[in-house]
């Protein structure tokens, strides 16, 4: 899916509860908790610099 989206320069929103899937597919990820976005960032930044304790444990 990622290759098709990149090749066609298409923007898509993927909703998943699978961290591996999100990190494999996304250029940017939004982590939500109780209806609010805790952090919106690149997979690298989410992994290395989590903004909150919830993002750290997600």
PDB file of N, CA and C in Angstrom:
ATOM      1  N   UNK A   1       0.824  -1.172   0.000  1.00  0.00           N
ATOM      2  CA  UNK A   1       0.000   0.000   0.000  1.00  0.00           C
ATOM      3  C   UNK A   1       0.880   1.252   0.000  1.00  0.00           C
ATOM      4  N   UNK A   2       1.924   1.262   0.816  1.00  0.00           N
ATOM      5  CA  UNK A   2       2.796   2.442   0.896  1.00  0.00           C
ATOM      6  C   UNK A   2       3.393   2.775  -0.472  1.00  0.00           C
ATOM      7  N   UNK A   3       3.839   1.757  -1.201  1.00  0.00           N
ATOM      8  CA  UNK A   3       4.447   1.987  -2.515  1.00  0.00           C
ATOM      9  C   UNK A   3       3.452   2.613  -3.492  1.00  0.00           C
ATOM     10  N   UNK A   4       2.220   2.153  -3.477  1.00  0.00           N
ATOM     11  CA  UNK A   4       1.190   2.703  -4.369  1.00  0.00           C
ATOM     12  C   UNK A   4       0.907   4.161  -4.017  1.00  0.00           C
ATOM     13  N   UNK A   5       0.765   4.449  -2.732  1.00  0.00           N
ATOM     14  CA  UNK A   5       0.499   5.826  -2.302  1.00  0.00           C
ATOM     15  C   UNK A   5       1.643   6.749  -2.689  1.00  0.00           C
ATOM     16  N   UNK A   6       2.874   6.314  -2.496  1.00  0.00           N
ATOM     17  CA  UNK A   6       4.044   7.117  -2.855  1.00  0.00           C
ATOM     18  C   UNK A   6       4.110   7.336  -4.365  1.00  0.00           C
ATOM     19  N   UNK A   7       3.903   6.266  -5.142  1.00  0.00           N
ATOM     20  CA  UNK A   7       3.999   6.351  -6.598  1.00  0.00           C
ATOM     21  C   UNK A   7       2.950   7.281  -7.194  1.00  0.00           C
ATOM     22  N   UNK A   8       1.773   7.306  -6.589  1.00  0.00           N
ATOM     23  CA  UNK A   8       0.690   8.147  -7.106  1.00  0.00           C
ATOM     24  C   UNK A   8       0.595   9.488  -6.379  1.00  0.00           C
ATOM     25  N   UNK A   9       1.513   9.728  -5.461  1.00  0.00           N
ATOM     26  CA  UNK A   9       1.539  10.957  -4.656  1.00  0.00           C
ATOM     27  C   UNK A   9       0.167  11.240  -4.037  1.00  0.00           C
ATOM     28  N   UNK A  10      -0.391  10.199  -3.447  1.00  0.00           N
ATOM     29  CA  UNK A  10      -1.715  10.270  -2.845  1.00  0.00           C
ATOM     30  C   UNK A  10      -1.599  10.354  -1.331  1.00  0.00           C
ATOM     31  N   UNK A  11      -2.401  11.216  -0.749  1.00  0.00           N
ATOM     32  CA  UNK A  11      -2.482  11.311   0.705  1.00  0.00           C
ATOM     33  C   UNK A  11      -3.596  10.393   1.188  1.00  0.00           C
ATOM     34  N   UNK A  12      -3.348   9.661   2.257  1.00  0.00           N
ATOM     35  CA  UNK A  12      -4.349   8.761   2.809  1.00  0.00           C
ATOM     36  C   UNK A  12      -4.293   8.810   4.324  1.00  0.00           C
ATOM     37  N   UNK A  13      -5.417   8.515   4.920  1.00  0.00           N
ATOM     38  CA  UNK A  13      -5.493   8.395   6.374  1.00  0.00           C
ATOM     39  C   UNK A  13      -5.783   6.940   6.690  1.00  0.00           C
ATOM     40  N   UNK A  14      -4.924   6.348   7.511  1.00  0.00           N
ATOM     41  CA  UNK A  14      -5.072   4.960   7.927  1.00  0.00           C
ATOM     42  C   UNK A  14      -5.302   4.957   9.433  1.00  0.00           C
ATOM     43  N   UNK A  15      -6.382   4.351   9.851  1.00  0.00           N
ATOM     44  CA  UNK A  15      -6.669   4.225  11.283  1.00  0.00           C
ATOM     45  C   UNK A  15      -6.329   2.803  11.690  1.00  0.00           C
ATOM     46  N   UNK A  16      -5.448   2.676  12.675  1.00  0.00           N
ATOM     47  CA  UNK A  16      -5.025   1.355  13.126  1.00  0.00           C
ATOM     48  C   UNK A  16      -4.697   1.388  14.610  1.00  0.00           C
ATOM     49  N   UNK A  17      -4.784   0.238  15.224  1.00  0.00           N
ATOM     50  CA  UNK A  17      -4.355   0.080  16.609  1.00  0.00           C
ATOM     51  C   UNK A  17      -3.049  -0.709  16.666  1.00  0.00           C
ATOM     52  N   UNK A  18      -2.506  -0.998  15.489  1.00  0.00           N
ATOM     53  CA  UNK A  18      -1.294  -1.800  15.369  1.00  0.00           C
ATOM     54  C   UNK A  18      -0.089  -0.886  15.168  1.00  0.00           C
ATOM     55  N   UNK A  19       0.745  -0.772  16.201  1.00  0.00           N
ATOM     56  CA  UNK A  19       1.898   0.119  16.160  1.00  0.00           C
ATOM     57  C   UNK A  19       2.852  -0.254  15.028  1.00  0.00           C
ATOM     58  N   UNK A  20       3.087  -1.535  14.825  1.00  0.00           N
ATOM     59  CA  UNK A  20       4.000  -1.964  13.750  1.00  0.00           C
ATOM     60  C   UNK A  20       3.495  -1.522  12.383  1.00  0.00           C
ATOM     61  N   UNK A  21       2.202  -1.673  12.162  1.00  0.00           N
ATOM     62  CA  UNK A  21       1.609  -1.264  10.887  1.00  0.00           C
ATOM     63  C   UNK A  21       1.763   0.241  10.690  1.00  0.00           C
ATOM     64  N   UNK A  22       1.485   1.017  11.707  1.00  0.00           N
ATOM     65  CA  UNK A  22       1.599   2.472  11.612  1.00  0.00           C
ATOM     66  C   UNK A  22       3.031   2.887  11.305  1.00  0.00           C
ATOM     67  N   UNK A  23       3.986   2.316  11.998  1.00  0.00           N
ATOM     68  CA  UNK A  23       5.387   2.673  11.790  1.00  0.00           C
ATOM     69  C   UNK A  23       5.890   2.230  10.416  1.00  0.00           C
ATOM     70  N   UNK A  24       5.344   1.136   9.884  1.00  0.00           N
ATOM     71  CA  UNK A  24       5.774   0.634   8.580  1.00  0.00           C
ATOM     72  C   UNK A  24       5.214   1.435   7.419  1.00  0.00           C
ATOM     73  N   UNK A  25       4.017   2.000   7.579  1.00  0.00           N
ATOM     74  CA  UNK A  25       3.320   2.639   6.464  1.00  0.00           C
ATOM     75  C   UNK A  25       3.410   4.165   6.482  1.00  0.00           C
ATOM     76  N   UNK A  26       3.394   4.762   7.644  1.00  0.00           N
ATOM     77  CA  UNK A  26       3.164   6.205   7.745  1.00  0.00           C
ATOM     78  C   UNK A  26       4.421   7.063   7.659  1.00  0.00           C
ATOM     79  N   UNK A  27       4.250   8.238   7.057  1.00  0.00           N
ATOM     80  CA  UNK A  27       5.271   9.289   7.114  1.00  0.00           C
ATOM     81  C   UNK A  27       5.104  10.087   8.407  1.00  0.00           C
ATOM     82  N   UNK A  28       3.851  10.242   8.832  1.00  0.00           N
ATOM     83  CA  UNK A  28       3.514  10.929  10.080  1.00  0.00           C
ATOM     84  C   UNK A  28       2.451  10.111  10.794  1.00  0.00           C
ATOM     85  N   UNK A  29       2.499  10.153  12.121  1.00  0.00           N
ATOM     86  CA  UNK A  29       1.563   9.387  12.946  1.00  0.00           C
ATOM     87  C   UNK A  29       0.976  10.297  14.007  1.00  0.00           C
ATOM     88  N   UNK A  30      -0.319  10.174  14.224  1.00  0.00           N
ATOM     89  CA  UNK A  30      -0.981  10.873  15.321  1.00  0.00           C
ATOM     90  C   UNK A  30      -1.371   9.860  16.383  1.00  0.00           C
ATOM     91  N   UNK A  31      -0.927  10.080  17.602  1.00  0.00           N
ATOM     92  CA  UNK A  31      -1.274   9.210  18.727  1.00  0.00           C
ATOM     93  C   UNK A  31      -2.415   9.879  19.486  1.00  0.00           C
ATOM     94  N   UNK A  32      -3.539   9.165  19.569  1.00  0.00           N
ATOM     95  CA  UNK A  32      -4.715   9.721  20.251  1.00  0.00           C
ATOM     96  C   UNK A  32      -4.933   9.030  21.593  1.00  0.00           C
ATOM     97  N   UNK A  33      -5.434   9.809  22.540  1.00  0.00           N
ATOM     98  CA  UNK A  33      -5.754   9.298  23.874  1.00  0.00           C
ATOM     99  C   UNK A  33      -6.958  10.071  24.384  1.00  0.00           C
ATOM    100  N   UNK A  34      -8.017   9.338  24.698  1.00  0.00           N
ATOM    101  CA  UNK A  34      -9.255   9.925  25.210  1.00  0.00           C
ATOM    102  C   UNK A  34      -9.759  11.064  24.320  1.00  0.00           C
ATOM    103  N   UNK A  35      -9.697  10.850  22.998  1.00  0.00           N
ATOM    104  CA  UNK A  35     -10.254  11.810  22.053  1.00  0.00           C
ATOM    105  C   UNK A  35      -9.375  12.998  21.723  1.00  0.00           C
ATOM    106  N   UNK A  36      -8.160  13.032  22.236  1.00  0.00           N
ATOM    107  CA  UNK A  36      -7.240  14.141  21.974  1.00  0.00           C
ATOM    108  C   UNK A  36      -5.934  13.612  21.388  1.00  0.00           C
ATOM    109  N   UNK A  37      -5.325  14.391  20.508  1.00  0.00           N
ATOM    110  CA  UNK A  37      -4.046  14.007  19.941  1.00  0.00           C
ATOM    111  C   UNK A  37      -2.949  14.309  20.955  1.00  0.00           C
ATOM    112  N   UNK A  38      -2.251  13.275  21.370  1.00  0.00           N
ATOM    113  CA  UNK A  38      -1.140  13.419  22.319  1.00  0.00           C
ATOM    114  C   UNK A  38       0.120  13.900  21.596  1.00  0.00           C
ATOM    115  N   UNK A  39       0.349  13.363  20.389  1.00  0.00           N
ATOM    116  CA  UNK A  39       1.524  13.767  19.622  1.00  0.00           C
ATOM    117  C   UNK A  39       1.279  13.428  18.158  1.00  0.00           C
ATOM    118  N   UNK A  40       1.655  14.361  17.278  1.00  0.00           N
ATOM    119  CA  UNK A  40       1.597  14.155  15.835  1.00  0.00           C
ATOM    120  C   UNK A  40       3.006  14.369  15.330  1.00  0.00           C
ATOM    121  N   UNK A  41       3.636  13.307  14.803  1.00  0.00           N
ATOM    122  CA  UNK A  41       5.053  13.419  14.470  1.00  0.00           C
ATOM    123  C   UNK A  41       5.463  12.287  13.532  1.00  0.00           C
ATOM    124  N   UNK A  42       6.732  12.271  13.181  1.00  0.00           N
ATOM    125  CA  UNK A  42       7.272  11.177  12.378  1.00  0.00           C
ATOM    126  C   UNK A  42       7.440   9.944  13.264  1.00  0.00           C
ATOM    127  N   UNK A  43       7.461   8.765  12.653  1.00  0.00           N
ATOM    128  CA  UNK A  43       7.711   7.566  13.465  1.00  0.00           C
ATOM    129  C   UNK A  43       9.014   7.666  14.262  1.00  0.00           C
ATOM    130  N   UNK A  44      10.057   8.200  13.644  1.00  0.00           N
ATOM    131  CA  UNK A  44      11.346   8.344  14.327  1.00  0.00           C
ATOM    132  C   UNK A  44      11.213   9.208  15.584  1.00  0.00           C
ATOM    133  N   UNK A  45      10.585  10.361  15.448  1.00  0.00           N
ATOM    134  CA  UNK A  45      10.435  11.264  16.594  1.00  0.00           C
ATOM    135  C   UNK A  45       9.529  10.676  17.673  1.00  0.00           C
ATOM    136  N   UNK A  46       8.476   9.980  17.277  1.00  0.00           N
ATOM    137  CA  UNK A  46       7.608   9.343  18.265  1.00  0.00           C
ATOM    138  C   UNK A  46       8.382   8.311  19.078  1.00  0.00           C
ATOM    139  N   UNK A  47       9.234   7.571  18.403  1.00  0.00           N
ATOM    140  CA  UNK A  47      10.005   6.524  19.083  1.00  0.00           C
ATOM    141  C   UNK A  47      11.094   7.115  19.977  1.00  0.00           C
ATOM    142  N   UNK A  48      11.810   8.110  19.470  1.00  0.00           N
ATOM    143  CA  UNK A  48      12.953   8.649  20.197  1.00  0.00           C
ATOM    144  C   UNK A  48      12.609   9.801  21.148  1.00  0.00           C
ATOM    145  N   UNK A  49      11.549  10.546  20.860  1.00  0.00           N
ATOM    146  CA  UNK A  49      11.176  11.692  21.698  1.00  0.00           C
ATOM    147  C   UNK A  49       9.676  11.730  21.950  1.00  0.00           C
ATOM    148  N   UNK A  50       9.143  10.754  22.690  1.00  0.00           N
ATOM    149  CA  UNK A  50       7.710  10.784  22.999  1.00  0.00           C
ATOM    150  C   UNK A  50       7.367  12.014  23.837  1.00  0.00           C
ATOM    151  N   UNK A  51       6.276  12.678  23.472  1.00  0.00           N
ATOM    152  CA  UNK A  51       5.902  13.932  24.133  1.00  0.00           C
ATOM    153  C   UNK A  51       5.274  13.714  25.509  1.00  0.00           C
ATOM    154  N   UNK A  52       4.615  12.576  25.697  1.00  0.00           N
ATOM    155  CA  UNK A  52       3.945  12.304  26.974  1.00  0.00           C
ATOM    156  C   UNK A  52       4.211  10.866  27.395  1.00  0.00           C
ATOM    157  N   UNK A  53       3.873  10.562  28.623  1.00  0.00           N
ATOM    158  CA  UNK A  53       4.027   9.201  29.142  1.00  0.00           C
ATOM    159  C   UNK A  53       3.140   8.233  28.356  1.00  0.00           C
ATOM    160  N   UNK A  54       1.949   8.681  27.946  1.00  0.00           N
ATOM    161  CA  UNK A  54       1.052   7.819  27.177  1.00  0.00           C
ATOM    162  C   UNK A  54       1.689   7.432  25.842  1.00  0.00           C
ATOM    163  N   UNK A  55       2.307   8.379  25.145  1.00  0.00           N
ATOM    164  CA  UNK A  55       2.960   8.086  23.878  1.00  0.00           C
ATOM    165  C   UNK A  55       4.116   7.105  24.106  1.00  0.00           C
ATOM    166  N   UNK A  56       4.830   7.265  25.179  1.00  0.00           N
ATOM    167  CA  UNK A  56       5.931   6.373  25.525  1.00  0.00           C
ATOM    168  C   UNK A  56       5.481   4.930  25.657  1.00  0.00           C
ATOM    169  N   UNK A  57       4.320   4.711  26.242  1.00  0.00           N
ATOM    170  CA  UNK A  57       3.836   3.357  26.500  1.00  0.00           C
ATOM    171  C   UNK A  57       2.921   2.823  25.404  1.00  0.00           C
ATOM    172  N   UNK A  58       2.651   3.629  24.378  1.00  0.00           N
ATOM    173  CA  UNK A  58       1.744   3.179  23.303  1.00  0.00           C
ATOM    174  C   UNK A  58       2.413   2.205  22.387  1.00  0.00           C
TER     175      UNK A  58
END
